[in-house]
Amino acid sequence: MPTTPEHNKQAVIRFFLAANNDQLSELDHLLAEDFVTHGPQSLLPRAVGREAHKQGIGGFKKDFPDAKIELLNIFAEGDRVMTHQQVTARHVNEFMGVQPTFKYLNWTATQVARFDDDGMMVERWVIEDFLSMFQQLGIMPTTFG
């Protein structure tokens, strides 16, 4: 029996709360064992498996330990949930070759998640605003031309 869009929305909210609060064991109840993230505009460009996602989120939180994801918008229809979120994180460890700046960075991301009939998230597509992040890290210029 398929799950409801409301159930799926609540599962996505729990996913982000687990990431925010370093409760990665909660992902065992939300993600299918073979869960896949499709990028390439994501901090996890192509990650396969629940454990790979736990490691990826853990690695991100090592570089940005106080990172918080705020849901700005969430919509659900059928087996899909779309979110638009704001990420705020302080850069305290080397990241992509950039030494810690101890600055707070802000960027947005958009995700579409798909659920199976058992209510488990089976895959997601993520696009993150890396241009904004890279500009704040000093990797990219803030103006062009």
N, C-alpha and C. Protein backbone atom coordinates (compact mmCIF):
# COMPACT_ATOMS: atom_id res chain seq x y z
N MET A 1 0.84 -1.18 0.00
CA MET A 1 0.00 0.00 0.00
C MET A 1 0.89 1.25 0.00
N PRO A 2 0.72 2.13 -0.95
CA PRO A 2 1.56 3.33 -1.03
C PRO A 2 1.39 4.23 0.19
N THR A 3 2.46 4.93 0.53
CA THR A 3 2.38 5.90 1.62
C THR A 3 1.76 7.18 1.09
N THR A 4 1.45 8.07 1.99
CA THR A 4 0.80 9.33 1.60
C THR A 4 1.84 10.43 1.41
N PRO A 5 1.50 11.45 0.64
CA PRO A 5 2.41 12.59 0.51
C PRO A 5 2.73 13.22 1.87
N GLU A 6 1.76 13.26 2.78
CA GLU A 6 2.01 13.84 4.11
C GLU A 6 3.04 13.01 4.88
N HIS A 7 2.93 11.69 4.82
CA HIS A 7 3.93 10.82 5.46
C HIS A 7 5.31 11.11 4.90
N ASN A 8 5.40 11.23 3.58
CA ASN A 8 6.68 11.45 2.92
C ASN A 8 7.28 12.81 3.32
N LYS A 9 6.42 13.84 3.42
CA LYS A 9 6.90 15.15 3.87
C LYS A 9 7.48 15.05 5.28
N GLN A 10 6.80 14.37 6.15
CA GLN A 10 7.28 14.22 7.53
C GLN A 10 8.61 13.47 7.56
N ALA A 11 8.77 12.48 6.69
CA ALA A 11 10.03 11.73 6.63
C ALA A 11 11.18 12.64 6.18
N VAL A 12 10.93 13.52 5.22
CA VAL A 12 11.97 14.44 4.77
C VAL A 12 12.33 15.42 5.88
N ILE A 13 11.34 15.90 6.60
CA ILE A 13 11.61 16.79 7.74
C ILE A 13 12.48 16.06 8.76
N ARG A 14 12.16 14.81 9.06
CA ARG A 14 12.96 14.02 10.00
C ARG A 14 14.38 13.81 9.48
N PHE A 15 14.54 13.64 8.16
CA PHE A 15 15.86 13.49 7.53
C PHE A 15 16.73 14.71 7.84
N PHE A 16 16.18 15.91 7.62
CA PHE A 16 16.95 17.12 7.85
C PHE A 16 17.19 17.35 9.35
N LEU A 17 16.23 17.03 10.19
CA LEU A 17 16.44 17.14 11.63
C LEU A 17 17.55 16.21 12.09
N ALA A 18 17.58 15.00 11.56
CA ALA A 18 18.64 14.05 11.92
C ALA A 18 20.01 14.59 11.53
N ALA A 19 20.11 15.17 10.33
CA ALA A 19 21.39 15.76 9.89
C ALA A 19 21.76 16.94 10.78
N ASN A 20 20.79 17.80 11.08
CA ASN A 20 21.07 18.97 11.92
C ASN A 20 21.54 18.59 13.31
N ASN A 21 20.97 17.52 13.86
CA ASN A 21 21.22 17.16 15.25
C ASN A 21 22.19 15.99 15.42
N ASP A 22 22.91 15.65 14.35
CA ASP A 22 23.90 14.58 14.39
C ASP A 22 23.31 13.27 14.90
N GLN A 23 22.10 12.97 14.49
CA GLN A 23 21.41 11.73 14.87
C GLN A 23 21.33 10.81 13.65
N LEU A 24 22.49 10.43 13.13
CA LEU A 24 22.54 9.70 11.88
C LEU A 24 21.92 8.31 11.97
N SER A 25 21.81 7.74 13.15
CA SER A 25 21.15 6.44 13.27
C SER A 25 19.67 6.54 12.91
N GLU A 26 19.10 7.74 13.00
CA GLU A 26 17.70 7.95 12.59
C GLU A 26 17.50 7.65 11.10
N LEU A 27 18.58 7.79 10.32
CA LEU A 27 18.48 7.53 8.87
C LEU A 27 18.14 6.07 8.58
N ASP A 28 18.44 5.17 9.52
CA ASP A 28 18.08 3.76 9.34
C ASP A 28 16.58 3.58 9.18
N HIS A 29 15.80 4.50 9.73
CA HIS A 29 14.34 4.42 9.68
C HIS A 29 13.75 5.21 8.52
N LEU A 30 14.59 5.94 7.80
CA LEU A 30 14.10 6.84 6.76
C LEU A 30 14.58 6.50 5.36
N LEU A 31 15.80 5.97 5.26
CA LEU A 31 16.42 5.72 3.96
C LEU A 31 16.44 4.23 3.66
N ALA A 32 16.12 3.87 2.41
CA ALA A 32 16.27 2.49 1.97
C ALA A 32 17.75 2.12 2.04
N GLU A 33 18.04 0.85 2.21
CA GLU A 33 19.43 0.41 2.33
C GLU A 33 20.27 0.81 1.11
N ASP A 34 19.64 0.78 -0.09
CA ASP A 34 20.35 1.12 -1.33
C ASP A 34 20.01 2.54 -1.81
N PHE A 35 19.69 3.43 -0.89
CA PHE A 35 19.36 4.83 -1.17
C PHE A 35 20.43 5.48 -2.04
N VAL A 36 20.00 6.28 -3.01
CA VAL A 36 20.93 6.91 -3.96
C VAL A 36 20.70 8.42 -4.00
N THR A 37 21.80 9.19 -3.95
CA THR A 37 21.76 10.62 -4.24
C THR A 37 22.34 10.83 -5.63
N HIS A 38 21.59 11.56 -6.44
CA HIS A 38 22.05 11.94 -7.78
C HIS A 38 22.49 13.39 -7.73
N GLY A 39 23.66 13.70 -8.23
CA GLY A 39 24.17 15.07 -8.31
C GLY A 39 24.07 15.53 -9.74
N PRO A 40 25.09 16.09 -10.30
CA PRO A 40 26.42 16.27 -9.73
C PRO A 40 26.55 17.55 -8.91
N GLN A 41 25.51 18.38 -8.83
CA GLN A 41 25.62 19.63 -8.08
C GLN A 41 25.23 19.41 -6.63
N SER A 42 25.93 18.48 -5.98
CA SER A 42 25.64 18.14 -4.59
C SER A 42 26.96 17.84 -3.89
N LEU A 43 26.98 18.05 -2.57
CA LEU A 43 28.18 17.68 -1.81
C LEU A 43 28.40 16.17 -1.83
N LEU A 44 27.35 15.40 -2.11
CA LEU A 44 27.46 13.95 -2.34
C LEU A 44 27.03 13.72 -3.79
N PRO A 45 27.93 13.92 -4.77
CA PRO A 45 27.52 13.91 -6.17
C PRO A 45 26.88 12.61 -6.65
N ARG A 46 27.35 11.48 -6.18
CA ARG A 46 26.70 10.20 -6.51
C ARG A 46 27.04 9.26 -5.37
N ALA A 47 26.15 9.20 -4.43
CA ALA A 47 26.35 8.33 -3.27
C ALA A 47 25.32 7.22 -3.32
N VAL A 48 25.76 6.01 -3.09
CA VAL A 48 24.87 4.85 -3.13
C VAL A 48 24.96 4.14 -1.78
N GLY A 49 23.81 3.94 -1.17
CA GLY A 49 23.73 3.19 0.08
C GLY A 49 23.53 4.08 1.29
N ARG A 50 22.73 3.59 2.21
CA ARG A 50 22.44 4.32 3.44
C ARG A 50 23.72 4.64 4.20
N GLU A 51 24.62 3.66 4.33
CA GLU A 51 25.86 3.87 5.09
C GLU A 51 26.75 4.92 4.43
N ALA A 52 26.79 4.94 3.11
CA ALA A 52 27.58 5.97 2.41
C ALA A 52 27.03 7.36 2.72
N HIS A 53 25.72 7.47 2.85
CA HIS A 53 25.13 8.76 3.17
C HIS A 53 25.44 9.17 4.59
N LYS A 54 25.41 8.23 5.51
CA LYS A 54 25.78 8.55 6.89
C LYS A 54 27.22 9.06 6.94
N GLN A 55 28.11 8.38 6.22
CA GLN A 55 29.51 8.80 6.20
C GLN A 55 29.66 10.17 5.55
N GLY A 56 28.91 10.41 4.46
CA GLY A 56 28.99 11.69 3.78
C GLY A 56 28.51 12.84 4.64
N ILE A 57 27.39 12.64 5.31
CA ILE A 57 26.87 13.68 6.20
C ILE A 57 27.83 13.88 7.37
N GLY A 58 28.36 12.78 7.91
CA GLY A 58 29.33 12.88 8.99
C GLY A 58 30.58 13.64 8.57
N GLY A 59 31.07 13.40 7.36
CA GLY A 59 32.23 14.12 6.85
C GLY A 59 31.96 15.60 6.68
N PHE A 60 30.79 15.92 6.16
CA PHE A 60 30.40 17.32 6.01
C PHE A 60 30.35 18.00 7.38
N LYS A 61 29.75 17.31 8.36
CA LYS A 61 29.63 17.90 9.69
C LYS A 61 30.99 18.02 10.38
N LYS A 62 31.99 17.24 9.95
CA LYS A 62 33.35 17.40 10.48
C LYS A 62 33.92 18.74 10.03
N ASP A 63 33.70 19.09 8.77
CA ASP A 63 34.20 20.36 8.24
C ASP A 63 33.36 21.55 8.68
N PHE A 64 32.06 21.30 8.89
CA PHE A 64 31.11 22.35 9.27
C PHE A 64 30.27 21.84 10.45
N PRO A 65 30.87 21.70 11.64
CA PRO A 65 30.19 21.01 12.75
C PRO A 65 28.88 21.64 13.21
N ASP A 66 28.72 22.93 13.02
CA ASP A 66 27.48 23.56 13.48
C ASP A 66 26.51 23.82 12.33
N ALA A 67 26.70 23.14 11.20
CA ALA A 67 25.84 23.34 10.04
C ALA A 67 24.39 23.08 10.40
N LYS A 68 23.53 23.94 9.90
CA LYS A 68 22.08 23.79 10.09
C LYS A 68 21.39 23.97 8.75
N ILE A 69 20.40 23.14 8.54
CA ILE A 69 19.60 23.20 7.32
C ILE A 69 18.21 23.65 7.72
N GLU A 70 17.78 24.76 7.14
CA GLU A 70 16.44 25.28 7.40
C GLU A 70 15.58 25.06 6.17
N LEU A 71 14.46 24.38 6.35
CA LEU A 71 13.54 24.18 5.23
C LEU A 71 12.78 25.47 4.97
N LEU A 72 12.92 25.98 3.75
CA LEU A 72 12.21 27.19 3.35
C LEU A 72 10.87 26.85 2.71
N ASN A 73 10.85 25.79 1.92
CA ASN A 73 9.64 25.34 1.24
C ASN A 73 9.65 23.82 1.19
N ILE A 74 8.48 23.23 1.28
CA ILE A 74 8.36 21.78 1.12
C ILE A 74 7.00 21.49 0.46
N PHE A 75 7.05 20.67 -0.59
CA PHE A 75 5.86 20.30 -1.34
C PHE A 75 5.89 18.80 -1.58
N ALA A 76 4.74 18.17 -1.54
CA ALA A 76 4.68 16.74 -1.79
C ALA A 76 3.52 16.42 -2.73
N GLU A 77 3.79 15.48 -3.62
CA GLU A 77 2.75 14.97 -4.50
C GLU A 77 3.13 13.54 -4.86
N GLY A 78 2.20 12.63 -4.71
CA GLY A 78 2.47 11.24 -5.02
C GLY A 78 3.63 10.74 -4.17
N ASP A 79 4.62 10.15 -4.83
CA ASP A 79 5.78 9.58 -4.11
C ASP A 79 6.97 10.53 -4.06
N ARG A 80 6.77 11.81 -4.40
CA ARG A 80 7.88 12.78 -4.45
C ARG A 80 7.67 13.91 -3.44
N VAL A 81 8.80 14.37 -2.89
CA VAL A 81 8.80 15.54 -2.00
C VAL A 81 9.90 16.48 -2.49
N MET A 82 9.53 17.73 -2.71
CA MET A 82 10.49 18.74 -3.14
C MET A 82 10.72 19.70 -1.99
N THR A 83 11.98 20.00 -1.72
CA THR A 83 12.32 20.98 -0.69
C THR A 83 13.28 22.02 -1.25
N HIS A 84 13.19 23.20 -0.70
CA HIS A 84 14.15 24.27 -0.94
C HIS A 84 14.64 24.64 0.45
N GLN A 85 15.96 24.58 0.65
CA GLN A 85 16.49 24.79 1.98
C GLN A 85 17.64 25.79 1.98
N GLN A 86 17.84 26.39 3.15
CA GLN A 86 18.95 27.31 3.39
C GLN A 86 19.93 26.59 4.31
N VAL A 87 21.20 26.56 3.92
CA VAL A 87 22.24 25.95 4.75
C VAL A 87 23.08 27.08 5.33
N THR A 88 23.31 27.01 6.64
CA THR A 88 24.19 27.95 7.33
C THR A 88 25.23 27.10 8.06
N ALA A 89 26.51 27.41 7.83
CA ALA A 89 27.57 26.59 8.41
C ALA A 89 28.84 27.41 8.57
N ARG A 90 29.56 27.17 9.66
CA ARG A 90 30.84 27.85 9.90
C ARG A 90 31.96 26.94 9.43
N HIS A 91 32.85 27.49 8.62
CA HIS A 91 33.96 26.75 7.99
C HIS A 91 35.12 26.65 8.98
N VAL A 92 35.25 25.49 9.66
CA VAL A 92 36.27 25.36 10.71
C VAL A 92 37.38 24.36 10.40
N ASN A 93 37.25 23.61 9.31
CA ASN A 93 38.30 22.67 8.90
C ASN A 93 38.57 22.86 7.41
N GLU A 94 39.71 22.35 6.96
CA GLU A 94 40.03 22.44 5.54
C GLU A 94 38.89 21.82 4.73
N PHE A 95 38.49 22.52 3.68
CA PHE A 95 37.40 22.05 2.82
C PHE A 95 37.76 22.40 1.39
N MET A 96 37.82 21.38 0.54
CA MET A 96 38.16 21.55 -0.87
C MET A 96 39.47 22.32 -1.03
N GLY A 97 40.42 22.04 -0.16
CA GLY A 97 41.73 22.68 -0.24
C GLY A 97 41.80 24.06 0.37
N VAL A 98 40.70 24.56 0.89
CA VAL A 98 40.67 25.89 1.50
C VAL A 98 40.83 25.73 3.01
N GLN A 99 41.85 26.41 3.54
CA GLN A 99 42.07 26.39 4.98
C GLN A 99 40.89 27.04 5.70
N PRO A 100 40.67 26.69 6.96
CA PRO A 100 39.52 27.24 7.68
C PRO A 100 39.50 28.76 7.67
N THR A 101 38.33 29.30 7.37
CA THR A 101 38.16 30.76 7.39
C THR A 101 37.42 31.20 8.65
N PHE A 102 36.76 30.27 9.32
CA PHE A 102 35.94 30.51 10.50
C PHE A 102 34.79 31.47 10.22
N LYS A 103 34.48 31.62 8.93
CA LYS A 103 33.34 32.43 8.52
C LYS A 103 32.09 31.56 8.49
N TYR A 104 30.96 32.22 8.72
CA TYR A 104 29.68 31.56 8.49
C TYR A 104 29.33 31.70 7.02
N LEU A 105 29.01 30.58 6.41
CA LEU A 105 28.62 30.55 5.01
C LEU A 105 27.12 30.28 4.93
N ASN A 106 26.50 30.81 3.91
CA ASN A 106 25.08 30.57 3.65
C ASN A 106 24.90 30.24 2.18
N TRP A 107 24.16 29.18 1.90
CA TRP A 107 23.82 28.86 0.53
C TRP A 107 22.50 28.10 0.53
N THR A 108 21.91 27.99 -0.63
CA THR A 108 20.64 27.29 -0.74
C THR A 108 20.83 25.99 -1.52
N ALA A 109 19.86 25.12 -1.36
CA ALA A 109 19.85 23.85 -2.09
C ALA A 109 18.40 23.48 -2.36
N THR A 110 18.22 22.67 -3.38
CA THR A 110 16.90 22.15 -3.73
C THR A 110 17.03 20.64 -3.86
N GLN A 111 16.04 19.94 -3.37
CA GLN A 111 16.06 18.48 -3.39
C GLN A 111 14.70 17.95 -3.81
N VAL A 112 14.71 16.91 -4.61
CA VAL A 112 13.50 16.13 -4.89
C VAL A 112 13.79 14.71 -4.41
N ALA A 113 12.97 14.22 -3.50
CA ALA A 113 13.15 12.87 -2.95
C ALA A 113 12.00 11.99 -3.43
N ARG A 114 12.32 10.72 -3.69
CA ARG A 114 11.30 9.75 -4.09
C ARG A 114 11.22 8.65 -3.04
N PHE A 115 9.99 8.24 -2.75
CA PHE A 115 9.72 7.23 -1.73
C PHE A 115 9.16 5.96 -2.37
N ASP A 116 9.43 4.82 -1.72
CA ASP A 116 8.82 3.57 -2.16
C ASP A 116 7.50 3.35 -1.43
N ASP A 117 6.81 2.27 -1.74
CA ASP A 117 5.51 1.98 -1.14
C ASP A 117 5.58 1.71 0.36
N ASP A 118 6.78 1.41 0.88
CA ASP A 118 6.95 1.17 2.31
C ASP A 118 7.27 2.45 3.08
N GLY A 119 7.30 3.58 2.38
CA GLY A 119 7.57 4.86 3.05
C GLY A 119 9.03 5.16 3.26
N MET A 120 9.91 4.43 2.59
CA MET A 120 11.35 4.69 2.71
C MET A 120 11.80 5.57 1.55
N MET A 121 12.67 6.53 1.84
CA MET A 121 13.25 7.35 0.79
C MET A 121 14.23 6.48 0.01
N VAL A 122 14.04 6.38 -1.32
CA VAL A 122 14.88 5.50 -2.12
C VAL A 122 15.89 6.25 -2.98
N GLU A 123 15.58 7.49 -3.31
CA GLU A 123 16.56 8.29 -4.07
C GLU A 123 16.20 9.75 -3.96
N ARG A 124 17.20 10.58 -4.27
CA ARG A 124 16.98 12.02 -4.29
C ARG A 124 17.88 12.66 -5.32
N TRP A 125 17.43 13.80 -5.80
CA TRP A 125 18.19 14.62 -6.73
C TRP A 125 18.43 15.94 -6.02
N VAL A 126 19.69 16.39 -5.99
CA VAL A 126 20.05 17.58 -5.22
C VAL A 126 20.82 18.55 -6.11
N ILE A 127 20.47 19.82 -5.99
CA ILE A 127 21.22 20.90 -6.62
C ILE A 127 21.53 21.91 -5.53
N GLU A 128 22.83 22.19 -5.33
CA GLU A 128 23.25 23.15 -4.32
C GLU A 128 23.86 24.37 -5.00
N ASP A 129 23.73 25.51 -4.38
CA ASP A 129 24.26 26.77 -4.91
C ASP A 129 25.75 26.88 -4.56
N PHE A 130 26.55 26.09 -5.29
CA PHE A 130 27.99 26.09 -5.03
C PHE A 130 28.65 27.41 -5.40
N LEU A 131 28.11 28.13 -6.38
CA LEU A 131 28.71 29.41 -6.73
C LEU A 131 28.73 30.33 -5.50
N SER A 132 27.61 30.41 -4.81
CA SER A 132 27.54 31.24 -3.61
C SER A 132 28.51 30.75 -2.55
N MET A 133 28.55 29.44 -2.33
CA MET A 133 29.46 28.87 -1.33
C MET A 133 30.91 29.18 -1.70
N PHE A 134 31.27 28.94 -2.97
CA PHE A 134 32.65 29.16 -3.41
C PHE A 134 33.04 30.63 -3.32
N GLN A 135 32.11 31.53 -3.62
CA GLN A 135 32.40 32.95 -3.49
C GLN A 135 32.69 33.31 -2.03
N GLN A 136 31.92 32.75 -1.12
CA GLN A 136 32.13 33.03 0.30
C GLN A 136 33.43 32.45 0.81
N LEU A 137 33.86 31.33 0.21
CA LEU A 137 35.14 30.72 0.58
C LEU A 137 36.33 31.42 -0.08
N GLY A 138 36.06 32.29 -1.06
CA GLY A 138 37.12 32.98 -1.76
C GLY A 138 37.69 32.19 -2.93
N ILE A 139 37.04 31.11 -3.34
CA ILE A 139 37.48 30.29 -4.45
C ILE A 139 37.08 30.92 -5.79
N MET A 140 35.95 31.60 -5.81
CA MET A 140 35.41 32.20 -7.04
C MET A 140 35.23 33.69 -6.80
N PRO A 141 35.35 34.49 -7.87
CA PRO A 141 35.13 35.93 -7.71
C PRO A 141 33.65 36.22 -7.41
N THR A 142 33.41 37.34 -6.74
CA THR A 142 32.03 37.71 -6.42
C THR A 142 31.37 38.52 -7.54
N THR A 143 32.19 39.02 -8.45
CA THR A 143 31.66 39.71 -9.63
C THR A 143 32.36 39.18 -10.85
N PHE A 144 31.69 39.26 -11.97
CA PHE A 144 32.23 38.77 -13.24
C PHE A 144 32.16 39.89 -14.26
N GLY A 145 33.17 39.90 -15.14
CA GLY A 145 33.13 40.86 -16.23
C GLY A 145 34.04 42.02 -16.06
